[in-house]
N, C-alpha and C. Protein backbone atom coordinates (compact mmCIF):
# COMPACT_ATOMS: atom_id res chain seq x y z
N UNK A 1 21.88 -82.11 17.25
CA UNK A 1 22.38 -82.36 18.78
C UNK A 1 22.79 -83.53 19.11
N UNK A 2 24.27 -83.86 20.20
CA UNK A 2 24.55 -85.12 20.16
C UNK A 2 24.95 -84.64 21.74
N UNK A 3 24.81 -86.08 22.57
CA UNK A 3 25.47 -86.22 24.06
C UNK A 3 25.56 -87.09 23.88
N UNK A 4 27.16 -86.98 24.57
CA UNK A 4 28.47 -87.83 24.73
C UNK A 4 28.25 -88.45 26.59
N UNK A 5 28.63 -89.85 26.34
CA UNK A 5 28.74 -90.12 27.78
C UNK A 5 29.99 -91.15 27.78
N UNK A 6 31.18 -90.75 28.57
CA UNK A 6 32.12 -91.98 28.73
C UNK A 6 31.96 -92.61 29.63
N UNK A 7 32.71 -93.86 29.34
CA UNK A 7 32.72 -94.79 30.52
C UNK A 7 33.97 -95.59 30.20
N UNK A 8 34.64 -96.56 31.47
CA UNK A 8 35.33 -97.42 31.66
C UNK A 8 36.98 -96.92 32.54
N UNK A 9 36.75 -95.63 32.79
CA UNK A 9 38.04 -95.02 33.60
C UNK A 9 37.83 -95.75 34.89
N UNK A 10 39.41 -95.50 35.30
CA UNK A 10 39.46 -96.46 36.35
C UNK A 10 40.76 -96.19 37.12
N UNK A 11 41.29 -97.06 37.59
CA UNK A 11 42.53 -97.52 38.37
C UNK A 11 43.07 -98.44 38.12
N UNK A 12 44.47 -97.80 37.15
CA UNK A 12 45.17 -99.51 37.17
C UNK A 12 46.76 -99.30 37.29
N UNK A 13 47.61 -100.21 37.36
CA UNK A 13 49.35 -100.00 37.70
C UNK A 13 49.64 -99.99 36.06
N UNK A 14 51.08 -99.51 36.33
CA UNK A 14 51.55 -98.93 35.37
C UNK A 14 52.06 -100.24 34.60
N UNK A 15 51.91 -100.00 33.12
CA UNK A 15 51.82 -101.41 32.27
C UNK A 15 50.82 -101.78 31.81
N UNK A 16 49.65 -101.46 32.64
CA UNK A 16 48.46 -102.22 32.45
C UNK A 16 47.36 -101.40 31.38
N UNK A 17 46.37 -101.72 31.19
CA UNK A 17 45.36 -101.49 29.81
C UNK A 17 43.95 -100.95 30.16
N UNK A 18 43.65 -100.28 29.34
CA UNK A 18 42.26 -99.69 30.05
C UNK A 18 41.22 -99.96 28.70
N UNK A 19 40.24 -99.81 28.56
CA UNK A 19 39.21 -99.12 27.37
C UNK A 19 38.43 -98.48 27.69
N UNK A 20 38.41 -97.09 27.25
CA UNK A 20 37.58 -96.08 27.04
C UNK A 20 36.36 -96.48 26.37
N UNK A 21 35.14 -96.10 26.41
CA UNK A 21 33.93 -96.01 25.49
C UNK A 21 33.46 -94.39 25.78
N UNK A 22 33.18 -93.98 24.67
CA UNK A 22 32.08 -92.78 24.36
C UNK A 22 30.69 -93.36 23.34
N UNK A 23 29.72 -93.49 24.12
CA UNK A 23 28.35 -93.37 23.82
C UNK A 23 27.50 -92.21 23.31
N UNK A 24 27.41 -91.87 22.24
CA UNK A 24 25.97 -91.17 22.27
C UNK A 24 24.84 -91.50 22.83
N UNK A 25 24.28 -90.82 23.32
CA UNK A 25 22.98 -90.85 23.74
C UNK A 25 21.80 -90.10 23.20
N UNK A 26 22.20 -89.22 22.63
CA UNK A 26 21.30 -88.54 21.41
C UNK A 26 22.31 -87.99 20.36
N UNK A 27 21.49 -88.46 19.12
CA UNK A 27 22.51 -87.95 18.09
C UNK A 27 23.19 -89.12 17.16
N UNK A 28 23.79 -89.39 15.99
CA UNK A 28 24.41 -90.24 15.82
C UNK A 28 25.71 -89.67 15.38
N UNK A 29 26.68 -90.68 15.56
CA UNK A 29 27.87 -90.22 15.82
C UNK A 29 28.69 -90.45 14.19
N UNK A 30 28.04 -91.14 13.97
CA UNK A 30 28.82 -91.42 12.01
C UNK A 30 29.10 -90.33 11.28
N UNK A 31 28.41 -89.16 11.75
CA UNK A 31 28.98 -87.71 10.63
C UNK A 31 29.91 -87.25 10.97
N UNK A 32 30.27 -87.48 12.14
CA UNK A 32 31.54 -86.72 12.75
C UNK A 32 32.84 -86.95 12.92
N UNK A 33 33.73 -86.11 13.00
CA UNK A 33 34.83 -86.30 13.87
C UNK A 33 35.01 -86.63 15.08
N UNK A 34 35.50 -87.95 15.41
CA UNK A 34 35.42 -88.29 16.91
C UNK A 34 37.04 -87.76 17.76
N UNK A 35 36.96 -87.03 18.72
CA UNK A 35 38.53 -86.90 19.52
C UNK A 35 38.37 -87.35 20.91
N UNK A 36 39.34 -87.86 20.91
CA UNK A 36 39.61 -88.22 22.84
C UNK A 36 40.89 -87.10 22.95
N UNK A 37 40.49 -86.44 24.04
CA UNK A 37 41.47 -85.27 24.51
C UNK A 37 41.69 -85.38 26.32
N UNK A 38 42.48 -85.11 26.91
CA UNK A 38 42.90 -85.64 28.31
C UNK A 38 43.51 -84.22 28.87
N UNK A 39 43.22 -84.37 30.53
CA UNK A 39 43.54 -83.15 31.23
C UNK A 39 44.14 -83.66 32.42
N UNK A 40 45.26 -83.55 32.45
CA UNK A 40 46.45 -84.13 33.49
C UNK A 40 46.30 -83.18 34.39
N UNK A 41 46.97 -83.53 35.76
CA UNK A 41 46.49 -82.76 36.95
C UNK A 41 47.70 -81.41 36.70
N UNK A 42 46.83 -79.90 37.07
CA UNK A 42 47.79 -78.90 36.82
C UNK A 42 47.82 -78.59 35.25
N UNK A 43 47.68 -79.26 34.36
CA UNK A 43 47.76 -79.10 33.01
C UNK A 43 46.50 -78.50 32.19
N UNK A 44 46.87 -77.87 30.76
CA UNK A 44 45.66 -77.84 30.49
C UNK A 44 45.02 -79.00 29.81
N UNK A 45 43.80 -79.02 29.11
CA UNK A 45 43.33 -79.79 28.48
C UNK A 45 44.14 -80.08 26.75
N UNK A 46 44.78 -81.09 26.86
CA UNK A 46 45.30 -81.62 25.29
C UNK A 46 44.97 -82.89 24.47
N UNK A 47 45.05 -82.95 23.56
CA UNK A 47 44.44 -83.83 22.39
C UNK A 47 45.49 -84.87 22.54
N UNK A 48 44.67 -86.19 22.28
CA UNK A 48 45.26 -87.75 22.92
C UNK A 48 44.46 -88.42 21.32
N UNK A 49 43.91 -88.25 20.37
CA UNK A 49 43.54 -89.08 19.19
C UNK A 49 42.03 -88.52 18.65
N UNK A 50 42.08 -88.92 17.50
CA UNK A 50 41.12 -88.44 16.77
C UNK A 50 40.98 -89.46 15.66
N UNK A 51 39.21 -89.92 15.24
CA UNK A 51 39.36 -90.92 14.18
C UNK A 51 37.91 -90.38 13.34
N UNK A 52 38.00 -90.01 11.82
CA UNK A 52 37.64 -89.04 11.06
C UNK A 52 36.58 -90.11 10.38
N UNK A 53 35.40 -89.66 9.56
CA UNK A 53 34.17 -90.08 9.15
C UNK A 53 34.88 -91.57 8.73
N UNK A 54 35.96 -91.29 7.52
CA UNK A 54 36.31 -92.73 7.17
C UNK A 54 37.42 -93.56 7.74
N UNK A 55 36.91 -93.63 9.04
CA UNK A 55 38.42 -94.23 9.91
C UNK A 55 39.25 -93.95 9.99
N UNK A 56 40.34 -92.83 8.86
CA UNK A 56 41.45 -92.37 9.05
C UNK A 56 41.63 -91.87 10.95
N UNK A 57 42.46 -92.45 11.64
CA UNK A 57 43.11 -92.20 12.87
C UNK A 57 44.23 -91.06 12.99
N UNK A 58 44.29 -90.72 14.26
CA UNK A 58 45.69 -89.56 14.52
C UNK A 58 46.36 -89.48 15.70
N UNK A 59 47.33 -89.42 16.34
CA UNK A 59 47.66 -89.59 17.49
C UNK A 59 48.43 -88.69 17.56
N UNK A 60 48.63 -88.07 19.04
CA UNK A 60 49.33 -87.47 19.81
C UNK A 60 50.85 -88.27 20.07
N UNK A 61 51.93 -87.41 19.80
CA UNK A 61 53.23 -88.24 19.71
C UNK A 61 53.32 -89.39 21.28
N UNK A 62 52.75 -88.61 22.26
CA UNK A 62 53.04 -88.88 23.60
C UNK A 62 52.27 -90.78 23.84
N UNK A 63 51.43 -90.95 22.75
CA UNK A 63 50.30 -91.92 22.97
C UNK A 63 50.91 -92.86 21.73
N UNK A 64 51.17 -92.72 20.79
CA UNK A 64 51.45 -93.07 19.50
C UNK A 64 51.68 -94.40 19.81
N UNK A 65 51.37 -95.84 19.53
CA UNK A 65 52.34 -96.84 19.91
C UNK A 65 51.38 -97.61 20.90
N UNK A 66 50.91 -96.90 21.74
CA UNK A 66 50.11 -97.73 23.09
C UNK A 66 48.51 -97.33 22.70
N UNK A 67 47.76 -96.36 22.33
CA UNK A 67 46.80 -95.86 22.33
C UNK A 67 46.03 -96.46 20.65
N UNK A 68 44.90 -96.81 20.64
CA UNK A 68 44.05 -96.89 19.24
C UNK A 68 42.94 -96.46 19.61
N UNK A 69 42.22 -95.79 19.14
CA UNK A 69 41.24 -95.28 18.52
C UNK A 69 40.24 -95.76 17.56
N UNK A 70 39.26 -96.36 18.12
CA UNK A 70 38.49 -96.66 16.78
C UNK A 70 36.81 -96.54 17.24
N UNK A 71 35.79 -96.82 15.75
CA UNK A 71 34.53 -96.57 16.11
C UNK A 71 33.72 -97.72 15.84
N UNK A 72 32.87 -97.78 16.56
CA UNK A 72 31.17 -98.70 15.85
C UNK A 72 30.16 -97.98 15.51
N UNK A 73 30.00 -97.63 14.52
CA UNK A 73 28.58 -97.08 14.23
C UNK A 73 27.46 -97.33 14.21
N UNK A 74 27.60 -98.56 14.02
CA UNK A 74 26.31 -99.43 14.35
C UNK A 74 26.02 -99.29 15.91
N UNK A 75 26.90 -99.09 17.05
CA UNK A 75 26.80 -98.89 18.19
C UNK A 75 26.89 -97.61 19.12
N UNK A 76 26.75 -96.74 17.74
CA UNK A 76 26.91 -95.16 17.64
C UNK A 76 28.10 -94.53 19.05
N UNK A 77 29.23 -95.61 19.30
CA UNK A 77 29.98 -95.70 19.84
C UNK A 77 31.61 -95.27 19.54
N UNK A 78 32.32 -94.97 20.26
CA UNK A 78 34.13 -94.68 20.07
C UNK A 78 34.62 -95.04 21.09
N UNK A 79 35.96 -95.98 20.82
CA UNK A 79 36.43 -96.42 21.79
C UNK A 79 38.12 -95.66 21.71
N UNK A 80 38.78 -96.02 23.17
CA UNK A 80 39.88 -95.56 23.18
C UNK A 80 40.40 -96.91 24.06
N UNK A 81 41.46 -97.60 23.03
CA UNK A 81 42.13 -98.47 23.76
C UNK A 81 43.51 -98.07 24.14
N UNK A 82 43.83 -98.18 25.62
CA UNK A 82 45.03 -97.34 26.29
C UNK A 82 45.53 -98.93 26.58
N UNK A 83 46.94 -99.33 25.79
CA UNK A 83 47.74 -99.98 26.58
C UNK A 83 48.91 -99.78 27.33
N UNK A 84 49.97 -100.40 27.80
CA UNK A 84 51.19 -99.72 28.41
C UNK A 84 51.05 -98.69 28.98
N UNK A 85 50.24 -98.56 29.89
CA UNK A 85 49.63 -97.13 30.70
C UNK A 85 50.88 -96.83 31.30
N UNK A 86 51.15 -95.42 31.74
CA UNK A 86 52.36 -94.99 32.50
C UNK A 86 51.29 -94.04 33.47
N UNK A 87 51.98 -93.52 34.49
CA UNK A 87 51.69 -93.02 35.18
C UNK A 87 51.44 -91.03 34.85
N UNK A 88 52.11 -91.06 33.70
CA UNK A 88 52.19 -89.24 33.02
C UNK A 88 50.58 -89.73 32.32
N UNK A 89 50.02 -90.94 31.73
CA UNK A 89 48.55 -91.14 31.62
C UNK A 89 47.33 -90.12 32.28
N UNK A 90 47.72 -90.62 33.87
CA UNK A 90 46.50 -90.04 34.51
C UNK A 90 46.10 -88.78 34.02
N UNK A 91 44.70 -88.56 33.93
CA UNK A 91 43.98 -87.69 33.77
C UNK A 91 42.95 -87.99 33.86
N UNK A 92 41.91 -86.77 33.35
CA UNK A 92 40.44 -86.85 32.77
C UNK A 92 40.28 -86.78 31.73
N UNK A 93 40.21 -88.04 31.17
CA UNK A 93 39.54 -88.55 29.24
C UNK A 93 38.53 -87.75 28.78
N UNK A 94 38.37 -87.11 28.43
CA UNK A 94 36.87 -86.55 27.51
C UNK A 94 36.95 -87.00 25.89
N UNK A 95 35.92 -87.08 25.24
CA UNK A 95 35.31 -87.42 24.03
C UNK A 95 34.81 -86.14 23.63
N UNK A 96 34.86 -86.13 22.30
CA UNK A 96 34.58 -84.65 21.48
C UNK A 96 34.29 -85.29 20.56
N UNK A 97 33.21 -84.26 19.76
CA UNK A 97 32.67 -84.14 18.47
C UNK A 97 32.88 -83.41 17.41
N UNK A 98 33.30 -83.25 16.40
CA UNK A 98 33.16 -82.89 15.32
C UNK A 98 32.53 -82.38 14.25
N UNK A 99 32.17 -81.20 13.43
CA UNK A 99 31.56 -81.55 12.25
C UNK A 99 32.51 -80.51 11.58
N UNK A 100 33.89 -80.36 12.12
CA UNK A 100 34.88 -79.22 11.44
C UNK A 100 35.76 -80.07 10.32
N UNK A 101 36.21 -79.70 9.19
CA UNK A 101 37.30 -79.90 8.66
C UNK A 101 38.95 -79.57 9.11
N UNK A 102 39.69 -80.27 8.90
CA UNK A 102 40.98 -79.25 9.44
C UNK A 102 41.71 -80.59 10.17
N UNK A 103 42.87 -79.90 10.63
CA UNK A 103 43.42 -80.61 11.67
C UNK A 103 42.73 -80.96 12.88
N UNK A 104 42.29 -80.21 13.36
CA UNK A 104 41.13 -80.84 14.65
C UNK A 104 41.81 -81.43 15.92
N UNK A 105 42.64 -80.66 16.15
CA UNK A 105 43.36 -81.11 17.19
C UNK A 105 43.42 -80.22 17.98
N UNK A 106 42.39 -78.78 18.43
CA UNK A 106 42.62 -77.89 19.20
C UNK A 106 40.76 -77.95 19.77
N UNK A 107 40.42 -77.73 20.89
CA UNK A 107 39.62 -78.08 21.55
C UNK A 107 38.04 -77.21 20.82
N UNK A 108 39.02 -75.96 20.24
CA UNK A 108 37.44 -75.14 19.73
C UNK A 108 37.29 -75.84 18.56
N UNK A 109 38.03 -76.47 18.06
CA UNK A 109 37.16 -77.03 16.74
C UNK A 109 36.25 -78.14 17.07
N UNK A 110 35.76 -78.41 18.32
CA UNK A 110 34.33 -79.32 18.68
C UNK A 110 33.42 -79.01 19.24
N UNK A 111 32.69 -79.53 18.74
CA UNK A 111 31.23 -79.24 19.31
C UNK A 111 30.20 -79.69 20.31
N UNK A 112 30.94 -80.87 20.47
CA UNK A 112 30.11 -81.13 21.66
C UNK A 112 31.27 -82.16 22.44
N UNK A 113 30.87 -82.16 23.94
CA UNK A 113 31.86 -82.73 24.63
C UNK A 113 31.03 -83.92 25.96
N UNK A 114 31.52 -84.83 25.99
CA UNK A 114 31.56 -85.21 27.49
C UNK A 114 31.64 -85.13 28.69
N UNK A 115 31.37 -85.58 29.94
CA UNK A 115 31.53 -84.89 31.00
C UNK A 115 32.86 -85.65 32.02
N UNK A 116 33.21 -86.72 30.62
CA UNK A 116 34.92 -87.15 31.61
C UNK A 116 35.03 -87.97 32.34
N UNK A 117 35.45 -89.06 31.78
CA UNK A 117 36.05 -89.89 32.62
C UNK A 117 37.17 -90.12 33.44
N UNK A 118 37.63 -90.49 35.10
CA UNK A 118 38.65 -90.45 35.14
C UNK A 118 39.65 -91.55 35.07
N UNK A 119 41.05 -91.44 34.31
CA UNK A 119 41.94 -92.61 34.43
C UNK A 119 43.32 -92.40 35.36
N UNK A 120 43.41 -93.42 36.22
CA UNK A 120 44.66 -92.98 37.60
C UNK A 120 45.64 -94.28 36.97
N UNK A 121 46.75 -93.87 36.84
CA UNK A 121 48.02 -95.12 36.57
C UNK A 121 48.92 -95.17 37.34
N UNK A 122 48.79 -96.03 38.54
CA UNK A 122 49.97 -96.09 39.70
C UNK A 122 51.32 -96.40 39.62
N UNK A 123 51.98 -96.17 39.85
CA UNK A 123 53.70 -96.63 39.88
C UNK A 123 53.74 -97.38 40.65
């Protein structure tokens, strides 16, 4: 069982940066592939980034080169550094944990989810 808590969301201007954190209050994250998803207003939840147990990371094309996912297993925390933010990055951001293998870009492949943190990018 894993319980995830996201933090770090807020309001930022276009071109600004935010760092989101996802901490496990229960369970150990080192055994999981960790993902970040987001749900933009009026849209379905979508894949943003993931980091596998061996720290291999993957990104959606829309954030590649701007966002960086990382993990600190000692702190039981995963991060999403978001730079050069755009208004279209406005969304609720969720972290999730998966024990599955494969592409892991679909919600159904993740076992545990946080409650989400809001990011608003003003133009």
